[in-house]
Amino acid sequence: MSVWVTLALDRRRSVAAGSACLEGTTAIAGDPDTPVSRDVYLSVEQDAASARTRRGASKLLERIVSAADGTWRVNNLDPTRHYSAVAYDHTGQYDPATKGGLVPTPYTLDTDPTI
């Protein structure tokens, strides 16, 4: 079995203010999958030009703890940037699960947390 992260927290952000969000779930793969609460680290990916002039290929943006049902959400992201999410198993039984190249979904009337 492995812990996986699909593609998100429910709080306002001023550091990376924007008009989009990422959301997803953490679960132990199986038949059926078992949702679990896990630490999820969200990083903003740097473009190739920035990566050459700075150390590291991404910048940690936020640490999120997914809910008991595995769901997570990050609001107020820049919709023009790409992000990476890494879910860690605090029990040490499973290796971290990573998803990169994530593009946030722009808010609509249904998803905008300010409406």
Protein backbone atom coordinates (compact mmCIF):
# COMPACT_ATOMS: atom_id res chain seq x y z
CA MET A 1 0.00 0.00 0.00
CA SER A 2 1.03 3.61 -0.44
CA VAL A 3 -0.19 7.02 0.59
CA TRP A 4 -1.10 9.18 -2.37
CA VAL A 5 -2.12 12.77 -2.89
CA THR A 6 -4.55 13.91 -5.55
CA LEU A 7 -4.94 17.38 -6.06
CA ALA A 8 -5.68 21.24 -1.13
CA LEU A 9 -7.39 24.28 3.72
CA ASP A 10 -9.84 26.73 4.29
CA ARG A 11 -8.07 29.95 5.24
CA ARG A 12 -7.24 33.22 3.58
CA ARG A 13 -3.70 33.82 2.33
CA SER A 14 -1.93 37.14 2.06
CA VAL A 15 1.51 35.77 1.10
CA ALA A 16 0.40 34.39 -2.26
CA ALA A 17 -2.73 36.42 -2.91
CA GLY A 18 -4.41 35.39 -6.11
CA SER A 19 -7.65 34.28 -7.66
CA ALA A 20 -7.36 30.48 -7.78
CA CYS A 21 -7.27 27.40 -5.54
CA LEU A 22 -5.88 23.87 -5.33
CA GLU A 23 -7.79 21.12 -3.60
CA GLY A 24 -7.53 17.39 -3.28
CA THR A 25 -7.34 14.36 -1.03
CA THR A 26 -4.84 12.15 0.76
CA ALA A 27 -5.58 8.43 1.00
CA ILE A 28 -4.01 5.01 1.37
CA ALA A 29 -4.29 3.25 -1.98
CA GLY A 30 -6.40 0.12 -1.92
CA ASP A 31 -9.70 -1.29 -3.04
CA PRO A 32 -11.34 0.94 -2.00
CA ASP A 33 -8.89 3.75 -1.13
CA THR A 34 -8.85 4.74 2.55
CA PRO A 35 -8.94 8.52 3.17
CA VAL A 36 -6.43 9.66 5.83
CA SER A 37 -5.29 12.88 7.44
CA ARG A 38 -1.71 13.74 6.44
CA ASP A 39 0.69 16.69 6.34
CA VAL A 40 0.75 18.21 2.86
CA TYR A 41 3.48 20.67 1.88
CA LEU A 42 2.67 23.03 -1.00
CA SER A 43 5.51 24.64 -2.94
CA VAL A 44 5.46 27.13 -5.78
CA GLU A 45 7.61 25.96 -8.67
CA GLN A 46 10.14 28.35 -10.17
CA ASP A 47 10.48 28.81 -13.89
CA ALA A 48 13.74 27.70 -15.53
CA ALA A 49 15.24 31.20 -15.58
CA SER A 50 14.59 31.75 -11.86
CA ALA A 51 15.91 28.31 -10.94
CA ARG A 52 19.27 29.11 -12.54
CA THR A 53 19.75 32.22 -10.42
CA ARG A 54 18.40 30.91 -7.11
CA ARG A 55 19.11 27.86 -4.99
CA GLY A 56 16.45 25.18 -5.20
CA ALA A 57 13.79 24.53 -7.80
CA SER A 58 10.78 25.49 -5.67
CA LYS A 59 9.80 27.58 -2.65
CA LEU A 60 7.78 26.16 0.24
CA LEU A 61 4.53 28.08 0.41
CA GLU A 62 2.49 26.33 3.09
CA ARG A 63 2.11 23.27 5.32
CA ILE A 64 -1.43 21.91 5.41
CA VAL A 65 -2.96 19.13 7.49
CA SER A 66 -5.69 17.40 5.50
CA ALA A 67 -9.00 16.74 7.22
CA ALA A 68 -9.93 13.31 8.62
CA ASP A 69 -11.65 12.55 5.31
CA GLY A 70 -8.39 13.34 3.48
CA THR A 71 -9.56 16.58 1.87
CA TRP A 72 -7.39 19.69 1.65
CA ARG A 73 -7.68 23.09 -0.04
CA VAL A 74 -5.48 26.15 -0.49
CA ASN A 75 -7.11 29.43 -1.55
CA ASN A 76 -5.79 32.68 -3.00
CA LEU A 77 -3.13 31.21 -5.30
CA ASP A 78 -1.71 32.81 -8.42
CA PRO A 79 -3.40 31.06 -11.37
CA THR A 80 -0.37 31.69 -13.61
CA ARG A 81 2.04 29.69 -11.44
CA HIS A 82 2.61 25.95 -11.08
CA TYR A 83 2.72 24.21 -7.70
CA SER A 84 3.94 20.95 -6.16
CA ALA A 85 2.32 19.04 -3.29
CA VAL A 86 4.07 16.47 -1.09
CA ALA A 87 2.07 14.37 1.40
CA TYR A 88 4.00 12.87 4.33
CA ASP A 89 2.94 9.87 6.39
CA HIS A 90 3.60 10.82 10.02
CA THR A 91 3.44 7.14 11.03
CA GLY A 92 6.49 6.34 8.90
CA GLN A 93 4.79 3.35 7.29
CA TYR A 94 4.58 4.88 3.80
CA ASP A 95 6.94 6.95 1.66
CA PRO A 96 5.98 10.56 0.82
CA ALA A 97 3.74 11.02 -2.22
CA THR A 98 4.43 13.89 -4.62
CA LYS A 99 2.48 15.64 -7.38
CA GLY A 100 4.13 18.37 -9.43
CA GLY A 101 3.12 20.75 -12.18
CA LEU A 102 -0.20 21.48 -10.48
CA VAL A 103 -2.17 24.38 -11.93
CA PRO A 104 -4.74 25.99 -9.59
CA THR A 105 -8.36 26.37 -10.65
CA PRO A 106 -9.52 29.99 -11.06
CA TYR A 107 -12.42 30.93 -8.79
CA THR A 108 -15.93 30.99 -10.14
CA LEU A 109 -19.09 32.14 -8.40
CA ASP A 110 -19.36 28.59 -7.01
CA THR A 111 -15.77 28.31 -5.73
CA ASP A 112 -14.75 31.86 -4.74
CA PRO A 113 -14.38 31.87 -0.92
CA THR A 114 -15.15 35.61 -0.75
CA ILE A 115 -18.61 35.44 -2.37
